[in-house]
Amino acid sequence: MSSSAKYLVVVDFPGIKSFVFGTDKLVEIRGGSSLLDHLNRDELPEFLSSKLGSEHVRCIFVGGGAGQFVIQGDKTQIEEALAQFQGRCWEKSGGGLAMNFALQPYDGDYVQAKDLVYQKLRKRKEEKPFKVPVAWHTGLVRDCDSCSGYAEKAVKHGGDTSLLCSVCARKTRFAQDSRNRLWDELVHYAVEQGHNEQWLQSRQPTTFEHVGKACAAKEGHVGVIYADGNAMGNLVQQIETPEDFSFFSQTVDQSLRTACYQAMCEHCLDADTKHVPALILMLGGDDLLVYTTADRAMPLALSVARKFEDLTRQAIAESQKEFFTSNVSHGLTISLGIAFGKYHTPFSLLLGQAEELLKSAKTKGSQDSRCTAYYAPTYLDCHFTTQFNQIRVADSRREHLTQESRPGETLCLTSRPWDQDTAARVWSEAERLAHSGIPRSRLKRLGQAPGLGKTGANLEFYTLLSRTKGTSNGKPRKTLLWESLAAFGCRLDQAPWQQEGDRTWNTYLTDLVELSELVPRQQS
């Protein structure tokens, strides 16, 4: 093979979410996620090495639907190899998964080559922003049972036979023919921590119902956790060497995987339930999507965020790489969105809400005074879906959690989103309320109080507070209830409200009561 030049090569798999989460069937979601991960992390570097020679291919990073290589050789041969792998992706996914690539001559100036090659990649994406839509439908042609595309193949799964399009069929068959890689990685990590492999393998959930029924607080209720890295793009733009890029990418990917597995070992593998109460649906790069029970979603999400920051801080300190120790010595962070609902709620609805909540959390984090060019603190936002017609979180909050007390004065019946420390305190106080012995009917009325308006909520809160009797752990329950609001700066004369701006008031009471319903009650 000619060694005429070196090239910086980048690849990207566009439309990942639409491919993996294009339907609400768990088997297809798992199959799509596993197929993408297999093509990206396993087949891509192996294919390029076999076609171009392993001594000419240097893999800087692969994962999360992306990849970066330094390849020495003839430009035409490199492009042909990448084009062949494009066809391989198209064939193995039934036409559902594409791959873009770009290459740039690399003479040692990594910064310039990186900027130029990503410009080329963006241009390719812009030139092909959409898939060609199906032009027409006819009643004489059967639609796919999953996505309404053209049905082509009958596939058996779980005792049922479905008529599926080529994309859904390939995802289903890949899930059937291959092991669940994310589950196997979790089990491998858990076994190293002392868990029993046979016990874990016998409790792998294979349906959303398996997870929902494992919820101890409210059977059938689940939470979809969506996490994504903060300020990663700014950091990537400033990286000056392939070694630093490799370190950064590997650190983010491995730290998030380890943080997820550690958190699940702590919060999900101790359950005495028929199935483990959580499923990892997507994990790679700086993206994480977990489907878990409603009672474990908050502690699991907060644990992942803390561990990710700690692991990246440790890796950066040990690396002694000047750029990272100078700019992000405190570690890297993620933001999170959690959509709560029932297991039979369409997954696409919960996923859309989790993504919207993640964006809300990121926006709030970017407004934090601690935010810098390379750092944004962890924020978390969550939402409770009670009706399927509550599709957008913003609409639901505007219609049901926002009031106008008087002209120009706004009441927010929630305090979300929260930064990491506040979210942890909210969950802790919610647990205290749940274990206080205050009747659920009383807590429910307290949670509804803010809906009575500014003055009405104030009167209702004090009426219910005065009627709260008894003690919990030697402390009057009314004192405990008041302390839960005071912990967030609520003044006694303004309860349950606190002033957020000149003409805006919010309350933590609604949030505390909603979350307390997700805490399993202690057995008497």
Protein backbone atom coordinates (compact mmCIF):
# COMPACT_ATOMS: atom_id res chain seq x y z
CA MET A 1 0.00 0.00 0.00
CA SER A 2 1.25 3.47 -0.88
CA SER A 3 2.33 5.66 2.01
CA SER A 4 2.07 8.87 0.04
CA ALA A 5 0.26 10.90 2.69
CA LYS A 6 -1.34 10.95 6.11
CA TYR A 7 -5.01 11.83 6.55
CA LEU A 8 -7.12 12.73 9.54
CA VAL A 9 -10.37 10.80 9.08
CA VAL A 10 -13.60 11.38 10.99
CA VAL A 11 -16.81 9.36 10.78
CA ASP A 12 -20.27 9.98 12.11
CA PHE A 13 -23.51 8.00 12.21
CA PRO A 14 -26.34 10.52 11.67
CA GLY A 15 -29.92 9.93 12.80
CA ILE A 16 -28.95 7.64 15.68
CA LYS A 17 -32.01 8.46 17.78
CA SER A 18 -34.44 7.94 14.92
CA PHE A 19 -32.81 4.59 14.13
CA VAL A 20 -32.53 3.23 17.67
CA PHE A 21 -35.75 4.72 19.04
CA GLY A 22 -37.83 4.72 15.88
CA THR A 23 -40.41 2.39 17.46
CA ASP A 24 -41.74 1.67 20.94
CA LYS A 25 -40.78 -2.02 20.98
CA LEU A 26 -38.02 -2.84 23.45
CA VAL A 27 -36.60 -5.65 21.33
CA GLU A 28 -36.14 -3.27 18.39
CA ILE A 29 -34.67 -0.54 20.61
CA ARG A 30 -32.18 -3.00 22.09
CA GLY A 31 -31.39 -4.43 18.67
CA GLY A 32 -30.85 -1.00 17.14
CA SER A 33 -28.63 0.15 20.00
CA SER A 34 -26.58 -3.07 19.93
CA LEU A 35 -26.21 -3.02 16.15
CA LEU A 36 -25.01 0.59 16.14
CA ASP A 37 -22.54 -0.10 18.95
CA HIS A 38 -21.23 -3.22 17.18
CA LEU A 39 -20.72 -1.43 13.86
CA ASN A 40 -19.16 1.60 15.52
CA ARG A 41 -16.88 0.11 18.17
CA ASP A 42 -16.09 -3.32 16.72
CA GLU A 43 -16.47 -3.55 12.97
CA LEU A 44 -15.32 -0.07 11.88
CA PRO A 45 -11.73 -0.19 13.23
CA GLU A 46 -11.38 -3.87 12.29
CA PHE A 47 -12.64 -3.24 8.75
CA LEU A 48 -10.32 -0.29 8.14
CA SER A 49 -7.34 -2.20 9.51
CA SER A 50 -8.05 -5.21 7.31
CA LYS A 51 -8.55 -3.11 4.17
CA LEU A 52 -5.76 -0.57 4.64
CA GLY A 53 -3.31 -2.44 6.86
CA SER A 54 -3.25 -2.27 10.64
CA GLU A 55 0.19 -0.62 10.56
CA HIS A 56 -1.29 2.30 8.58
CA VAL A 57 -4.43 2.84 10.68
CA ARG A 58 -4.25 4.61 14.02
CA CYS A 59 -7.53 4.68 15.89
CA ILE A 60 -7.82 7.81 18.04
CA PHE A 61 -11.34 7.07 19.28
CA VAL A 62 -14.50 5.18 18.36
CA GLY A 63 -17.78 5.18 20.26
CA GLY A 64 -21.05 7.00 20.73
CA GLY A 65 -21.76 6.95 17.00
CA ALA A 66 -18.51 8.67 16.01
CA GLY A 67 -14.88 7.91 15.27
CA GLN A 68 -11.56 9.53 14.50
CA PHE A 69 -8.50 7.98 12.83
CA VAL A 70 -5.11 8.93 11.44
CA ILE A 71 -4.57 6.86 8.29
CA GLN A 72 -1.49 6.77 6.10
CA GLY A 73 -1.99 5.82 2.45
CA ASP A 74 -3.54 6.66 -0.87
CA LYS A 75 -6.56 8.95 -0.65
CA THR A 76 -8.58 7.02 -3.23
CA GLN A 77 -8.06 3.71 -1.41
CA ILE A 78 -9.03 5.25 1.92
CA GLU A 79 -12.21 6.72 0.43
CA GLU A 80 -13.06 3.40 -1.22
CA ALA A 81 -12.67 1.55 2.08
CA LEU A 82 -14.88 4.05 3.90
CA ALA A 83 -17.46 3.89 1.11
CA GLN A 84 -17.48 0.10 1.38
CA PHE A 85 -18.16 0.36 5.09
CA GLN A 86 -20.97 2.79 4.35
CA GLY A 87 -22.56 0.06 2.24
CA ARG A 88 -21.94 -2.48 5.00
CA CYS A 89 -23.82 -0.28 7.50
CA TRP A 90 -26.68 0.21 5.06
CA GLU A 91 -26.93 -3.53 4.38
CA LYS A 92 -26.71 -4.70 8.00
CA SER A 93 -29.32 -2.16 9.16
CA GLY A 94 -31.75 -2.78 6.30
CA GLY A 95 -31.26 0.76 5.07
CA GLY A 96 -31.90 2.38 8.44
CA LEU A 97 -28.37 3.38 9.39
CA ALA A 98 -26.02 5.59 7.39
CA MET A 99 -22.46 6.74 7.95
CA ASN A 100 -20.85 10.00 6.93
CA PHE A 101 -17.09 10.48 6.66
CA ALA A 102 -14.57 13.12 5.75
CA LEU A 103 -10.78 13.19 5.48
CA GLN A 104 -8.18 15.92 5.49
CA PRO A 105 -4.44 15.81 4.71
CA TYR A 106 -2.55 15.74 8.01
CA ASP A 107 0.99 17.12 8.09
CA GLY A 108 1.30 17.29 11.88
CA ASP A 109 -0.80 20.43 12.45
CA TYR A 110 -3.63 18.68 14.27
CA VAL A 111 -5.60 21.82 15.14
CA GLN A 112 -5.88 22.95 11.53
CA ALA A 113 -6.60 19.46 10.20
CA LYS A 114 -9.26 18.87 12.88
CA ASP A 115 -11.05 22.14 12.15
CA LEU A 116 -11.04 21.53 8.40
CA VAL A 117 -12.12 17.88 8.53
CA TYR A 118 -15.08 18.64 10.81
CA GLN A 119 -16.09 21.47 8.49
CA LYS A 120 -16.16 18.95 5.64
CA LEU A 121 -18.19 16.52 7.75
CA ARG A 122 -20.74 19.22 8.62
CA LYS A 123 -21.00 20.13 4.94
CA ARG A 124 -21.75 16.52 4.03
CA LYS A 125 -24.47 16.41 6.66
CA GLU A 126 -26.02 19.61 5.35
CA GLU A 127 -25.99 18.28 1.81
CA LYS A 128 -27.97 15.20 2.89
CA PRO A 129 -30.11 16.38 5.83
CA PHE A 130 -33.10 14.12 5.21
CA LYS A 131 -33.88 10.59 4.22
CA VAL A 132 -36.00 10.23 1.10
CA PRO A 133 -39.60 9.82 2.33
CA VAL A 134 -42.00 7.18 1.11
CA ALA A 135 -43.92 8.78 -1.73
CA TRP A 136 -47.24 6.99 -1.40
CA HIS A 137 -49.20 4.35 0.44
CA THR A 138 -51.89 2.06 -0.76
CA GLY A 139 -54.30 -0.23 1.01
CA LEU A 140 -53.04 -3.08 -1.15
CA VAL A 141 -49.59 -2.93 0.53
CA ARG A 142 -49.24 -4.03 4.16
CA ASP A 143 -47.57 -1.52 6.49
CA CYS A 144 -44.86 -2.48 8.99
CA ASP A 145 -46.43 -3.42 12.33
CA SER A 146 -43.87 -1.25 14.15
CA CYS A 147 -43.12 1.88 12.12
CA SER A 148 -45.73 1.95 9.30
CA GLY A 149 -43.09 1.62 6.60
CA TYR A 150 -43.40 -0.96 3.84
CA ALA A 151 -43.64 -4.42 5.40
CA GLU A 152 -41.28 -6.98 3.88
CA LYS A 153 -40.60 -9.82 6.33
CA ALA A 154 -42.45 -11.88 8.93
CA VAL A 155 -40.47 -12.06 12.18
CA LYS A 156 -41.31 -14.17 15.21
CA HIS A 157 -40.60 -12.79 18.69
CA GLY A 158 -42.08 -13.54 22.08
CA GLY A 159 -44.60 -15.99 20.66
CA ASP A 160 -46.00 -13.46 18.18
CA THR A 161 -45.36 -13.03 14.48
CA SER A 162 -45.04 -9.48 13.15
CA LEU A 163 -44.83 -8.25 9.59
CA LEU A 164 -41.96 -5.77 9.60
CA CYS A 165 -40.04 -3.50 7.26
CA SER A 166 -36.40 -4.30 6.55
CA VAL A 167 -35.12 -1.88 9.23
CA CYS A 168 -37.32 -3.16 12.08
CA ALA A 169 -36.70 -6.76 10.99
CA ARG A 170 -32.89 -6.32 11.08
CA LYS A 171 -33.04 -4.69 14.53
CA THR A 172 -35.26 -7.47 15.89
CA ARG A 173 -33.10 -10.24 14.47
CA PHE A 174 -29.90 -8.65 15.71
CA ALA A 175 -31.39 -8.51 19.21
CA GLN A 176 -32.40 -12.17 18.91
CA ASP A 177 -29.10 -13.38 17.50
CA SER A 178 -26.69 -11.44 19.71
CA ARG A 179 -26.28 -10.94 23.43
CA ASN A 180 -27.26 -7.68 25.07
CA ARG A 181 -23.82 -6.08 25.20
CA LEU A 182 -24.73 -3.32 27.65
CA TRP A 183 -26.32 -5.87 29.97
CA ASP A 184 -23.29 -8.16 29.70
CA GLU A 185 -20.93 -5.28 30.51
CA LEU A 186 -23.05 -4.39 33.55
CA VAL A 187 -23.06 -8.02 34.72
CA HIS A 188 -19.29 -8.30 34.20
CA TYR A 189 -18.71 -5.18 36.30
CA ALA A 190 -21.20 -6.31 38.97
CA VAL A 191 -19.58 -9.74 39.27
CA GLU A 192 -16.21 -8.05 39.87
CA GLN A 193 -17.91 -6.18 42.73
CA GLY A 194 -19.08 -9.42 44.30
CA HIS A 195 -22.56 -9.92 42.79
CA ASN A 196 -23.75 -13.35 41.73
CA GLU A 197 -23.64 -13.79 37.94
CA GLN A 198 -26.27 -16.54 37.82
CA TRP A 199 -28.68 -14.45 39.90
CA LEU A 200 -28.19 -11.44 37.63
CA GLN A 201 -28.58 -13.34 34.36
CA SER A 202 -31.82 -14.91 35.60
CA ARG A 203 -33.28 -11.46 36.33
CA GLN A 204 -32.57 -9.62 33.09
CA PRO A 205 -35.70 -7.62 32.15
CA THR A 206 -36.85 -8.19 28.58
CA THR A 207 -39.93 -5.94 28.52
CA PHE A 208 -40.84 -2.51 29.83
CA GLU A 209 -43.49 -4.22 31.95
CA HIS A 210 -40.81 -6.20 33.78
CA VAL A 211 -39.25 -2.93 34.91
CA GLY A 212 -42.52 -1.19 35.77
CA LYS A 213 -43.76 -4.02 37.97
CA ALA A 214 -40.55 -3.87 40.01
CA CYS A 215 -41.45 -0.40 41.34
CA ALA A 216 -41.98 -0.75 45.10
CA ALA A 217 -43.50 2.71 45.65
CA LYS A 218 -46.08 2.83 42.82
CA GLU A 219 -46.33 -0.38 40.85
CA GLY A 220 -46.16 0.16 37.13
CA HIS A 221 -44.46 3.56 37.34
CA VAL A 222 -41.14 4.18 35.58
CA GLY A 223 -38.61 6.91 34.90
CA VAL A 224 -36.64 7.52 31.71
CA ILE A 225 -33.27 9.13 32.48
CA TYR A 226 -31.52 10.99 29.68
CA ALA A 227 -28.03 12.35 30.39
CA ASP A 228 -25.62 14.29 28.20
CA GLY A 229 -22.25 15.97 28.78
CA ASN A 230 -21.84 19.69 29.48
CA ALA A 231 -19.51 22.02 27.55
CA MET A 232 -17.94 19.08 25.69
CA GLY A 233 -18.01 20.86 22.33
CA ASN A 234 -16.02 23.83 23.63
CA LEU A 235 -13.36 21.52 25.02
CA VAL A 236 -13.07 19.52 21.80
CA GLN A 237 -12.52 22.69 19.78
CA GLN A 238 -9.51 23.64 21.91
CA ILE A 239 -7.75 20.26 21.89
CA GLU A 240 -4.41 20.52 20.05
CA THR A 241 -3.07 16.95 19.73
CA PRO A 242 -4.45 13.53 18.76
CA GLU A 243 -3.18 12.19 22.10
CA ASP A 244 -5.25 14.76 24.02
CA PHE A 245 -8.31 14.04 21.88
CA SER A 246 -7.93 10.32 22.51
CA PHE A 247 -7.50 10.90 26.23
CA PHE A 248 -10.52 13.19 26.42
CA SER A 249 -12.82 10.92 24.41
CA GLN A 250 -11.77 7.77 26.25
CA THR A 251 -12.09 9.48 29.62
CA VAL A 252 -15.62 10.70 28.91
CA ASP A 253 -16.78 7.37 27.48
CA GLN A 254 -15.23 5.11 30.11
CA SER A 255 -16.11 7.38 33.03
CA LEU A 256 -19.76 7.51 32.02
CA ARG A 257 -19.89 3.73 31.58
CA THR A 258 -18.23 3.12 34.93
CA ALA A 259 -20.40 5.72 36.68
CA CYS A 260 -23.53 4.11 35.25
CA TYR A 261 -22.48 0.58 36.26
CA GLN A 262 -21.42 1.71 39.75
CA ALA A 263 -24.69 3.56 40.31
CA MET A 264 -26.76 0.61 39.11
CA CYS A 265 -24.86 -1.75 41.42
CA GLU A 266 -25.72 0.54 44.34
CA HIS A 267 -29.35 1.31 43.51
CA CYS A 268 -30.73 -1.44 41.28
CA LEU A 269 -29.05 -4.76 42.01
CA ASP A 270 -30.15 -5.09 45.63
CA ALA A 271 -33.84 -5.42 44.75
CA ASP A 272 -35.66 -8.57 45.80
CA THR A 273 -37.74 -8.53 42.63
CA LYS A 274 -38.32 -10.94 39.78
CA HIS A 275 -36.40 -8.67 37.40
CA VAL A 276 -33.65 -6.10 37.86
CA PRO A 277 -35.50 -2.76 37.94
CA ALA A 278 -33.52 -1.00 35.22
CA LEU A 279 -32.46 -1.24 31.57
CA ILE A 280 -29.62 0.63 29.86
CA LEU A 281 -30.93 1.53 26.42
CA MET A 282 -28.06 3.70 25.17
CA LEU A 283 -24.57 4.33 26.52
CA GLY A 284 -21.65 5.74 24.56
CA GLY A 285 -19.62 8.91 24.27
CA ASP A 286 -21.29 11.41 26.59
CA ASP A 287 -24.85 10.08 26.11
CA LEU A 288 -26.78 7.85 28.51
CA LEU A 289 -30.38 6.63 28.44
CA VAL A 290 -31.71 4.42 31.24
CA TYR A 291 -35.23 3.03 31.72
CA THR A 292 -35.82 2.31 35.41
CA THR A 293 -38.48 2.25 38.11
CA ALA A 294 -39.85 5.59 39.28
CA ASP A 295 -38.60 5.08 42.85
CA ARG A 296 -35.00 4.57 41.72
CA ALA A 297 -34.77 7.19 38.98
CA MET A 298 -33.77 10.20 41.12
CA PRO A 299 -31.13 8.50 43.30
CA LEU A 300 -29.75 6.65 40.27
CA ALA A 301 -29.48 9.82 38.17
CA LEU A 302 -27.83 11.81 40.98
CA SER A 303 -25.40 8.99 41.68
CA VAL A 304 -24.34 8.76 38.01
CA ALA A 305 -23.75 12.54 37.90
CA ARG A 306 -21.62 12.57 41.06
CA LYS A 307 -19.58 9.53 40.07
CA PHE A 308 -18.97 10.83 36.54
CA GLU A 309 -17.59 14.09 37.89
CA ASP A 310 -15.41 12.26 40.44
CA LEU A 311 -14.07 9.76 37.89
CA THR A 312 -13.19 12.42 35.34
CA ARG A 313 -11.56 14.58 38.02
CA GLN A 314 -9.41 11.64 39.07
CA ALA A 315 -8.47 10.74 35.48
CA ILE A 316 -7.50 14.33 34.68
CA ALA A 317 -5.38 14.63 37.82
CA GLU A 318 -3.57 11.36 37.05
CA SER A 319 -2.98 12.30 33.41
CA GLN A 320 -1.00 15.45 34.29
CA LYS A 321 -2.02 16.84 30.90
CA GLU A 322 -1.60 20.59 31.17
CA PHE A 323 -4.63 21.63 29.09
CA PHE A 324 -7.04 19.59 31.18
CA THR A 325 -5.46 20.21 34.59
CA SER A 326 -5.52 23.94 33.85
CA ASN A 327 -9.09 24.18 32.58
CA VAL A 328 -11.15 21.31 34.01
CA SER A 329 -9.26 20.08 37.06
CA HIS A 330 -12.62 19.94 38.91
CA GLY A 331 -13.81 17.26 36.49
CA LEU A 332 -16.43 17.08 33.76
CA THR A 333 -20.19 17.20 34.27
CA ILE A 334 -23.46 16.01 32.77
CA SER A 335 -27.01 17.32 32.85
CA LEU A 336 -30.06 15.11 33.21
CA GLY A 337 -33.73 14.94 32.31
CA ILE A 338 -36.12 12.44 33.93
CA ALA A 339 -39.57 11.73 32.51
CA PHE A 340 -41.87 9.86 34.90
CA GLY A 341 -44.85 7.85 33.69
CA LYS A 342 -46.28 4.35 33.55
CA TYR A 343 -44.68 1.44 31.74
CA HIS A 344 -47.53 1.35 29.22
CA THR A 345 -47.01 5.03 28.39
CA PRO A 346 -45.69 5.10 24.81
CA PHE A 347 -41.92 5.05 25.06
CA SER A 348 -41.60 7.67 22.33
CA LEU A 349 -43.60 10.09 24.51
CA LEU A 350 -41.39 9.55 27.56
CA LEU A 351 -38.24 9.79 25.45
CA GLY A 352 -39.38 13.07 23.89
CA GLN A 353 -40.11 14.51 27.31
CA ALA A 354 -36.80 13.31 28.75
CA GLU A 355 -34.99 15.01 25.87
CA GLU A 356 -36.97 18.22 26.43
CA LEU A 357 -36.16 18.10 30.16
CA LEU A 358 -32.48 17.56 29.40
CA LYS A 359 -32.45 20.69 27.24
CA SER A 360 -34.20 22.60 30.03
CA ALA A 361 -31.58 21.46 32.54
CA LYS A 362 -28.73 22.43 30.19
CA THR A 363 -30.23 25.87 29.61
CA LYS A 364 -30.53 26.47 33.35
CA GLY A 365 -26.97 25.26 33.88
CA SER A 366 -25.64 27.64 31.24
CA GLN A 367 -27.20 30.52 33.20
CA ASP A 368 -25.52 29.52 36.46
CA SER A 369 -22.95 32.02 37.77
CA ARG A 370 -20.41 29.19 38.09
CA CYS A 371 -20.54 28.48 34.36
CA THR A 372 -17.33 29.03 32.37
CA ALA A 373 -16.23 28.32 28.80
CA TYR A 374 -15.30 24.75 29.73
CA TYR A 375 -17.55 24.08 32.70
CA ALA A 376 -21.27 24.06 33.44
CA PRO A 377 -22.61 22.66 36.72
CA THR A 378 -24.86 19.62 36.72
CA TYR A 379 -28.58 20.42 36.57
CA LEU A 380 -31.54 18.04 36.66
CA ASP A 381 -35.12 18.52 35.50
CA CYS A 382 -38.03 16.09 35.84
CA HIS A 383 -41.71 15.85 34.93
CA PHE A 384 -44.64 13.63 35.86
CA THR A 385 -46.86 12.54 32.99
CA THR A 386 -50.40 11.77 34.13
CA GLN A 387 -52.21 11.96 30.81
CA PHE A 388 -51.06 10.89 27.36
CA ASN A 389 -52.22 14.24 25.97
CA GLN A 390 -49.45 15.97 27.96
CA ILE A 391 -46.95 15.62 25.16
CA ARG A 392 -44.75 18.67 25.68
CA VAL A 393 -43.45 19.50 29.15
CA ALA A 394 -43.43 23.24 28.42
CA ASP A 395 -47.14 23.17 27.51
CA SER A 396 -48.03 21.19 30.63
CA ARG A 397 -46.12 23.56 32.89
CA ARG A 398 -47.60 26.62 31.27
CA GLU A 399 -51.16 25.32 31.56
CA HIS A 400 -51.03 23.50 34.91
CA LEU A 401 -48.04 24.78 36.89
CA THR A 402 -48.11 28.51 36.16
CA GLN A 403 -50.60 31.11 37.38
CA GLU A 404 -50.96 34.86 37.33
CA SER A 405 -51.57 36.03 40.89
CA ARG A 406 -52.16 39.64 39.89
CA PRO A 407 -51.24 41.63 36.77
CA GLY A 408 -47.54 41.19 36.18
CA GLU A 409 -47.03 38.72 39.05
CA THR A 410 -46.36 35.07 38.18
CA LEU A 411 -46.72 32.03 40.41
CA CYS A 412 -44.70 28.92 39.47
CA LEU A 413 -46.07 25.79 41.13
CA THR A 414 -42.66 24.13 40.81
CA SER A 415 -39.03 25.05 41.45
CA ARG A 416 -37.53 22.83 38.75
CA PRO A 417 -34.93 22.50 37.27
CA TRP A 418 -32.42 22.14 40.12
CA ASP A 419 -28.67 22.05 40.38
CA GLN A 420 -27.13 18.82 41.63
CA ASP A 421 -26.94 19.77 45.33
CA THR A 422 -30.48 21.14 45.38
CA ALA A 423 -31.86 18.06 43.62
CA ALA A 424 -30.17 15.82 46.21
CA ARG A 425 -31.69 17.87 49.05
CA VAL A 426 -35.13 17.79 47.43
CA TRP A 427 -35.00 14.00 47.19
CA SER A 428 -33.71 13.73 50.78
CA GLU A 429 -36.54 15.93 52.10
CA ALA A 430 -39.07 13.98 50.01
CA GLU A 431 -37.82 10.79 51.66
CA ARG A 432 -38.21 12.38 55.09
CA LEU A 433 -41.80 13.34 54.32
CA ALA A 434 -42.58 9.85 52.99
CA HIS A 435 -41.21 8.24 56.17
CA SER A 436 -42.70 10.82 58.56
CA GLY A 437 -46.01 9.02 59.03
CA ILE A 438 -48.00 11.99 57.72
CA PRO A 439 -51.02 10.45 55.96
CA ARG A 440 -50.78 10.42 52.17
CA SER A 441 -54.14 12.17 51.96
CA ARG A 442 -52.71 15.06 54.00
CA LEU A 443 -49.59 15.23 51.83
CA LYS A 444 -51.73 15.18 48.69
CA ARG A 445 -53.77 18.14 49.94
CA LEU A 446 -50.56 19.98 50.76
CA GLY A 447 -49.30 19.34 47.24
CA GLN A 448 -52.52 20.75 45.78
CA ALA A 449 -52.40 23.89 47.95
CA PRO A 450 -50.27 26.01 45.56
CA GLY A 451 -53.02 25.64 42.95
CA LEU A 452 -55.27 27.82 45.16
CA GLY A 453 -53.24 30.94 44.38
CA LYS A 454 -50.88 32.99 46.46
CA THR A 455 -53.16 33.83 49.39
CA GLY A 456 -55.26 30.68 49.18
CA ALA A 457 -52.18 28.45 49.26
CA ASN A 458 -50.85 30.33 52.27
CA LEU A 459 -54.09 29.80 54.23
CA GLU A 460 -54.42 26.16 53.18
CA PHE A 461 -50.82 25.39 54.08
CA TYR A 462 -51.13 26.79 57.61
CA THR A 463 -54.50 25.13 58.13
CA LEU A 464 -53.10 21.74 57.21
CA LEU A 465 -49.88 22.40 59.14
CA SER A 466 -51.84 23.15 62.34
CA ARG A 467 -53.83 19.94 61.95
CA THR A 468 -50.75 17.76 61.52
CA LYS A 469 -50.35 15.79 64.75
CA GLY A 470 -47.96 13.23 66.13
CA THR A 471 -44.19 12.80 66.04
CA SER A 472 -41.61 11.14 63.83
CA ASN A 473 -38.29 10.08 65.34
CA GLY A 474 -39.04 12.18 68.39
CA LYS A 475 -39.82 15.34 66.40
CA PRO A 476 -43.31 16.83 65.84
CA ARG A 477 -44.46 16.10 62.30
CA LYS A 478 -45.52 19.70 61.76
CA THR A 479 -41.97 20.78 62.62
CA LEU A 480 -40.58 18.27 60.15
CA LEU A 481 -42.98 19.51 57.48
CA TRP A 482 -41.98 23.11 58.01
CA GLU A 483 -38.26 22.26 58.05
CA SER A 484 -38.64 20.61 54.63
CA LEU A 485 -39.67 23.97 53.13
CA ALA A 486 -37.29 26.05 55.26
CA ALA A 487 -34.41 23.94 53.91
CA PHE A 488 -34.85 25.76 50.60
CA GLY A 489 -35.06 29.28 52.02
CA CYS A 490 -38.85 29.56 52.42
CA ARG A 491 -39.81 32.23 54.97
CA LEU A 492 -42.39 31.45 57.64
CA ASP A 493 -44.59 34.42 56.70
CA GLN A 494 -44.58 33.50 52.98
CA ALA A 495 -45.03 29.71 53.05
CA PRO A 496 -45.32 27.81 50.81
CA TRP A 497 -44.00 30.50 48.45
CA GLN A 498 -40.61 32.07 48.03
CA GLN A 499 -39.68 34.99 45.84
CA GLU A 500 -37.57 34.16 42.80
CA GLY A 501 -37.53 37.55 41.09
CA ASP A 502 -39.16 40.95 41.31
CA ARG A 503 -42.56 39.63 40.19
CA THR A 504 -42.10 35.84 40.29
CA TRP A 505 -42.79 33.38 43.10
CA ASN A 506 -42.22 29.64 43.19
CA THR A 507 -42.67 26.78 45.64
CA TYR A 508 -40.93 23.52 46.49
CA LEU A 509 -44.04 22.08 48.10
CA THR A 510 -45.48 20.58 44.91
CA ASP A 511 -42.13 19.00 44.04
CA LEU A 512 -41.62 17.54 47.52
CA VAL A 513 -45.07 15.97 47.60
CA GLU A 514 -44.83 14.56 44.07
CA LEU A 515 -41.45 12.99 44.78
CA SER A 516 -42.53 11.68 48.19
CA GLU A 517 -45.06 9.51 46.38
CA LEU A 518 -42.14 7.77 44.65
CA VAL A 519 -40.47 6.79 47.94
CA PRO A 520 -41.32 3.27 49.14
CA ARG A 521 -43.07 3.42 52.52
CA GLN A 522 -41.32 1.70 55.41
CA GLN A 523 -42.92 -1.49 56.63
CA SER A 524 -44.51 -1.09 60.06
